[in-house]
Amino acid sequence: MNKTFELTENTYAAIKGVMATILGFDKPHEVIVRPMANSLSARQRRLYFKWVGIVAHELGYEKEELHEQYKALHLIPIYRAREDGEFEKDLQAANKLYALGETEAFSRMKDHIIRKTSITEATTKEMAQYMDIIYKHAGGELGLKLPTPDELYI
């Protein structure tokens, strides 16, 4: 849906000033307003890495090492369910390499898939699902009490 708005001279001057001064724009630019994407929030990301740090410390892992393991075990299956099928194609290719006995190629493909599985690509819904799995793992299997967003100033 396209809408056209008239800007007063004062509003236009203010926008132009911000673009020129703060953003460094000196030529006219187009401004597009659209619904905000439902992506990973900074709060979710900070809380996630706080949790990973707590669990990693308890288990004797480095934070990044546990983050990679969690992605492989829990985030890939969430991304696999996406409608675009991108992860499914990569996983099928890796499984084919494994079935053919191409263990070195399979290992490289597996590592590639894990590396490209990034929490920054998660929607807020996917990240909430992923974090719920981690919260249940830490509390249930490990007996850890992880802080909730309300208990932690993020």
C-alpha atoms as a PDB file:
ATOM      1  CA  MET A   1       0.000   0.000   0.000  1.00  0.00           C
ATOM      2  CA  ASN A   2       1.496   3.325  -1.053  1.00  0.00           C
ATOM      3  CA  LYS A   3       0.613   6.527   0.714  1.00  0.00           C
ATOM      4  CA  THR A   4       1.746  10.031  -0.019  1.00  0.00           C
ATOM      5  CA  PHE A   5       2.252  12.566   2.726  1.00  0.00           C
ATOM      6  CA  GLU A   6       2.880  16.267   2.468  1.00  0.00           C
ATOM      7  CA  LEU A   7       5.682  17.595   4.574  1.00  0.00           C
ATOM      8  CA  THR A   8       5.695  21.122   5.882  1.00  0.00           C
ATOM      9  CA  GLU A   9       8.707  23.246   5.129  1.00  0.00           C
ATOM     10  CA  ASN A  10       9.881  22.979   8.733  1.00  0.00           C
ATOM     11  CA  THR A  11       9.565  19.169   8.769  1.00  0.00           C
ATOM     12  CA  TYR A  12      11.390  18.893   5.449  1.00  0.00           C
ATOM     13  CA  ALA A  13      14.180  21.153   6.678  1.00  0.00           C
ATOM     14  CA  ALA A  14      14.537  19.095   9.867  1.00  0.00           C
ATOM     15  CA  ILE A  15      14.725  15.795   7.959  1.00  0.00           C
ATOM     16  CA  LYS A  16      17.175  17.267   5.442  1.00  0.00           C
ATOM     17  CA  GLY A  17      19.323  18.594   8.298  1.00  0.00           C
ATOM     18  CA  VAL A  18      19.429  15.199  10.023  1.00  0.00           C
ATOM     19  CA  MET A  19      20.312  13.412   6.811  1.00  0.00           C
ATOM     20  CA  ALA A  20      23.063  15.875   5.943  1.00  0.00           C
ATOM     21  CA  THR A  21      24.538  16.294   9.416  1.00  0.00           C
ATOM     22  CA  ILE A  22      24.202  12.904  11.065  1.00  0.00           C
ATOM     23  CA  LEU A  23      24.032  10.534   8.112  1.00  0.00           C
ATOM     24  CA  GLY A  24      26.358  12.454   5.824  1.00  0.00           C
ATOM     25  CA  PHE A  25      23.891  12.575   2.932  1.00  0.00           C
ATOM     26  CA  ASP A  26      24.316  15.573   0.673  1.00  0.00           C
ATOM     27  CA  LYS A  27      22.052  14.469  -2.197  1.00  0.00           C
ATOM     28  CA  PRO A  28      18.291  13.871  -2.169  1.00  0.00           C
ATOM     29  CA  HIS A  29      17.264  10.437  -0.888  1.00  0.00           C
ATOM     30  CA  GLU A  30      14.078   8.411  -0.938  1.00  0.00           C
ATOM     31  CA  VAL A  31      12.521   7.451   2.387  1.00  0.00           C
ATOM     32  CA  ILE A  32      10.561   4.205   2.469  1.00  0.00           C
ATOM     33  CA  VAL A  33       8.261   3.393   5.362  1.00  0.00           C
ATOM     34  CA  ARG A  34       7.217  -0.231   5.741  1.00  0.00           C
ATOM     35  CA  PRO A  35       6.193  -2.547   8.567  1.00  0.00           C
ATOM     36  CA  MET A  36       9.129  -3.450  10.756  1.00  0.00           C
ATOM     37  CA  ALA A  37      10.503  -6.951  10.238  1.00  0.00           C
ATOM     38  CA  ASN A  38       9.908  -9.340  13.073  1.00  0.00           C
ATOM     39  CA  SER A  39      13.562 -10.129  13.683  1.00  0.00           C
ATOM     40  CA  LEU A  40      15.774 -11.022  16.566  1.00  0.00           C
ATOM     41  CA  SER A  41      15.781  -8.321  19.192  1.00  0.00           C
ATOM     42  CA  ALA A  42      18.908  -7.032  20.870  1.00  0.00           C
ATOM     43  CA  ARG A  43      17.372  -8.006  24.221  1.00  0.00           C
ATOM     44  CA  GLN A  44      16.899 -11.613  23.092  1.00  0.00           C
ATOM     45  CA  ARG A  45      20.474 -11.740  21.822  1.00  0.00           C
ATOM     46  CA  ARG A  46      21.960 -10.408  25.067  1.00  0.00           C
ATOM     47  CA  LEU A  47      19.855 -12.750  27.188  1.00  0.00           C
ATOM     48  CA  TYR A  48      20.764 -15.695  24.967  1.00  0.00           C
ATOM     49  CA  PHE A  49      24.503 -15.101  25.328  1.00  0.00           C
ATOM     50  CA  LYS A  50      24.080 -14.571  29.078  1.00  0.00           C
ATOM     51  CA  TRP A  51      22.406 -17.994  29.272  1.00  0.00           C
ATOM     52  CA  VAL A  52      25.042 -19.649  27.072  1.00  0.00           C
ATOM     53  CA  GLY A  53      27.748 -18.195  29.305  1.00  0.00           C
ATOM     54  CA  ILE A  54      26.107 -19.581  32.454  1.00  0.00           C
ATOM     55  CA  VAL A  55      25.611 -23.057  30.977  1.00  0.00           C
ATOM     56  CA  ALA A  56      29.090 -23.102  29.400  1.00  0.00           C
ATOM     57  CA  HIS A  57      30.678 -22.203  32.740  1.00  0.00           C
ATOM     58  CA  GLU A  58      28.722 -24.958  34.488  1.00  0.00           C
ATOM     59  CA  LEU A  59      29.713 -27.569  31.887  1.00  0.00           C
ATOM     60  CA  GLY A  60      33.327 -26.438  31.478  1.00  0.00           C
ATOM     61  CA  TYR A  61      32.941 -25.196  27.883  1.00  0.00           C
ATOM     62  CA  GLU A  62      33.922 -21.935  26.279  1.00  0.00           C
ATOM     63  CA  LYS A  63      30.858 -19.803  25.488  1.00  0.00           C
ATOM     64  CA  GLU A  64      31.470 -19.899  21.717  1.00  0.00           C
ATOM     65  CA  GLU A  65      31.992 -23.671  21.783  1.00  0.00           C
ATOM     66  CA  LEU A  66      28.637 -24.245  23.493  1.00  0.00           C
ATOM     67  CA  HIS A  67      26.972 -21.722  21.194  1.00  0.00           C
ATOM     68  CA  GLU A  68      28.124 -23.783  18.187  1.00  0.00           C
ATOM     69  CA  GLN A  69      26.848 -27.009  19.777  1.00  0.00           C
ATOM     70  CA  TYR A  70      23.485 -25.464  20.613  1.00  0.00           C
ATOM     71  CA  LYS A  71      23.126 -24.210  17.036  1.00  0.00           C
ATOM     72  CA  ALA A  72      23.853 -27.668  15.648  1.00  0.00           C
ATOM     73  CA  LEU A  73      21.511 -29.463  18.049  1.00  0.00           C
ATOM     74  CA  HIS A  74      18.629 -27.032  18.341  1.00  0.00           C
ATOM     75  CA  LEU A  75      18.701 -24.105  15.907  1.00  0.00           C
ATOM     76  CA  ILE A  76      19.247 -26.079  12.699  1.00  0.00           C
ATOM     77  CA  PRO A  77      16.045 -28.117  13.248  1.00  0.00           C
ATOM     78  CA  ILE A  78      14.125 -24.858  13.765  1.00  0.00           C
ATOM     79  CA  TYR A  79      15.544 -23.379  10.547  1.00  0.00           C
ATOM     80  CA  ARG A  80      14.916 -26.680   8.762  1.00  0.00           C
ATOM     81  CA  ALA A  81      11.192 -26.120   9.244  1.00  0.00           C
ATOM     82  CA  ARG A  82      11.282 -22.862   7.280  1.00  0.00           C
ATOM     83  CA  GLU A  83       9.139 -22.717   4.194  1.00  0.00           C
ATOM     84  CA  ASP A  84      11.961 -21.568   1.903  1.00  0.00           C
ATOM     85  CA  GLY A  85      13.660 -24.985   2.222  1.00  0.00           C
ATOM     86  CA  GLU A  86      17.185 -23.512   2.105  1.00  0.00           C
ATOM     87  CA  PHE A  87      18.464 -25.450   5.111  1.00  0.00           C
ATOM     88  CA  GLU A  88      16.675 -28.601   4.039  1.00  0.00           C
ATOM     89  CA  LYS A  89      18.576 -28.584   0.728  1.00  0.00           C
ATOM     90  CA  ASP A  90      21.926 -28.200   2.481  1.00  0.00           C
ATOM     91  CA  LEU A  91      21.104 -30.945   4.969  1.00  0.00           C
ATOM     92  CA  GLN A  92      20.042 -33.316   2.196  1.00  0.00           C
ATOM     93  CA  ALA A  93      23.322 -32.633   0.382  1.00  0.00           C
ATOM     94  CA  ALA A  94      25.275 -33.351   3.579  1.00  0.00           C
ATOM     95  CA  ASN A  95      23.322 -36.565   4.184  1.00  0.00           C
ATOM     96  CA  LYS A  96      24.022 -37.672   0.616  1.00  0.00           C
ATOM     97  CA  LEU A  97      27.767 -37.146   1.164  1.00  0.00           C
ATOM     98  CA  TYR A  98      27.557 -39.180   4.371  1.00  0.00           C
ATOM     99  CA  ALA A  99      25.652 -41.981   2.650  1.00  0.00           C
ATOM    100  CA  LEU A 100      28.291 -42.101  -0.081  1.00  0.00           C
ATOM    101  CA  GLY A 101      31.019 -42.483   2.538  1.00  0.00           C
ATOM    102  CA  GLU A 102      32.509 -39.073   1.752  1.00  0.00           C
ATOM    103  CA  THR A 103      33.326 -38.401   5.401  1.00  0.00           C
ATOM    104  CA  GLU A 104      35.762 -35.536   4.819  1.00  0.00           C
ATOM    105  CA  ALA A 105      33.369 -33.710   2.471  1.00  0.00           C
ATOM    106  CA  PHE A 106      30.479 -34.452   4.855  1.00  0.00           C
ATOM    107  CA  SER A 107      32.451 -32.974   7.760  1.00  0.00           C
ATOM    108  CA  ARG A 108      33.231 -29.800   5.776  1.00  0.00           C
ATOM    109  CA  MET A 109      29.590 -29.484   4.698  1.00  0.00           C
ATOM    110  CA  LYS A 110      28.374 -30.013   8.267  1.00  0.00           C
ATOM    111  CA  ASP A 111      30.757 -27.336   9.553  1.00  0.00           C
ATOM    112  CA  HIS A 112      29.595 -24.976   6.788  1.00  0.00           C
ATOM    113  CA  ILE A 113      25.942 -25.492   7.734  1.00  0.00           C
ATOM    114  CA  ILE A 114      26.639 -24.886  11.426  1.00  0.00           C
ATOM    115  CA  ARG A 115      28.649 -21.716  10.656  1.00  0.00           C
ATOM    116  CA  LYS A 116      25.946 -20.313   8.411  1.00  0.00           C
ATOM    117  CA  THR A 117      23.283 -21.043  11.029  1.00  0.00           C
ATOM    118  CA  SER A 118      23.273 -17.679  12.746  1.00  0.00           C
ATOM    119  CA  ILE A 119      20.968 -16.415  15.459  1.00  0.00           C
ATOM    120  CA  THR A 120      20.968 -13.060  13.692  1.00  0.00           C
ATOM    121  CA  GLU A 121      18.891 -14.698  10.947  1.00  0.00           C
ATOM    122  CA  ALA A 122      16.236 -15.827  13.435  1.00  0.00           C
ATOM    123  CA  THR A 123      12.849 -14.202  13.667  1.00  0.00           C
ATOM    124  CA  THR A 124      11.738 -13.288  17.173  1.00  0.00           C
ATOM    125  CA  LYS A 125       9.446 -16.334  17.084  1.00  0.00           C
ATOM    126  CA  GLU A 126      12.286 -18.686  16.052  1.00  0.00           C
ATOM    127  CA  MET A 127      14.585 -17.186  18.671  1.00  0.00           C
ATOM    128  CA  ALA A 128      11.912 -17.569  21.360  1.00  0.00           C
ATOM    129  CA  GLN A 129      11.497 -21.231  20.374  1.00  0.00           C
ATOM    130  CA  TYR A 130      15.286 -21.766  20.451  1.00  0.00           C
ATOM    131  CA  MET A 131      15.677 -20.039  23.804  1.00  0.00           C
ATOM    132  CA  ASP A 132      12.814 -22.060  25.273  1.00  0.00           C
ATOM    133  CA  ILE A 133      14.687 -25.257  24.367  1.00  0.00           C
ATOM    134  CA  ILE A 134      17.857 -23.955  26.017  1.00  0.00           C
ATOM    135  CA  TYR A 135      15.966 -22.771  29.103  1.00  0.00           C
ATOM    136  CA  LYS A 136      14.337 -26.190  29.506  1.00  0.00           C
ATOM    137  CA  HIS A 137      17.667 -27.977  28.947  1.00  0.00           C
ATOM    138  CA  ALA A 138      19.443 -25.846  31.536  1.00  0.00           C
ATOM    139  CA  GLY A 139      16.652 -26.083  34.102  1.00  0.00           C
ATOM    140  CA  GLY A 140      15.534 -29.642  33.507  1.00  0.00           C
ATOM    141  CA  GLU A 141      18.582 -31.667  32.558  1.00  0.00           C
ATOM    142  CA  LEU A 142      21.214 -29.546  34.274  1.00  0.00           C
ATOM    143  CA  GLY A 143      19.240 -28.145  37.212  1.00  0.00           C
ATOM    144  CA  LEU A 144      20.426 -24.584  36.511  1.00  0.00           C
ATOM    145  CA  LYS A 145      18.400 -21.480  37.252  1.00  0.00           C
ATOM    146  CA  LEU A 146      18.779 -19.101  34.326  1.00  0.00           C
ATOM    147  CA  PRO A 147      17.702 -15.491  34.729  1.00  0.00           C
ATOM    148  CA  THR A 148      14.508 -14.453  32.988  1.00  0.00           C
ATOM    149  CA  PRO A 149      14.221 -11.114  31.183  1.00  0.00           C
ATOM    150  CA  ASP A 150      12.300  -9.740  34.177  1.00  0.00           C
ATOM    151  CA  GLU A 151      15.068 -10.772  36.586  1.00  0.00           C
ATOM    152  CA  LEU A 152      17.876  -9.363  34.521  1.00  0.00           C
ATOM    153  CA  TYR A 153      18.347  -5.809  33.414  1.00  0.00           C
ATOM    154  CA  ILE A 154      19.421  -6.210  29.805  1.00  0.00           C
END
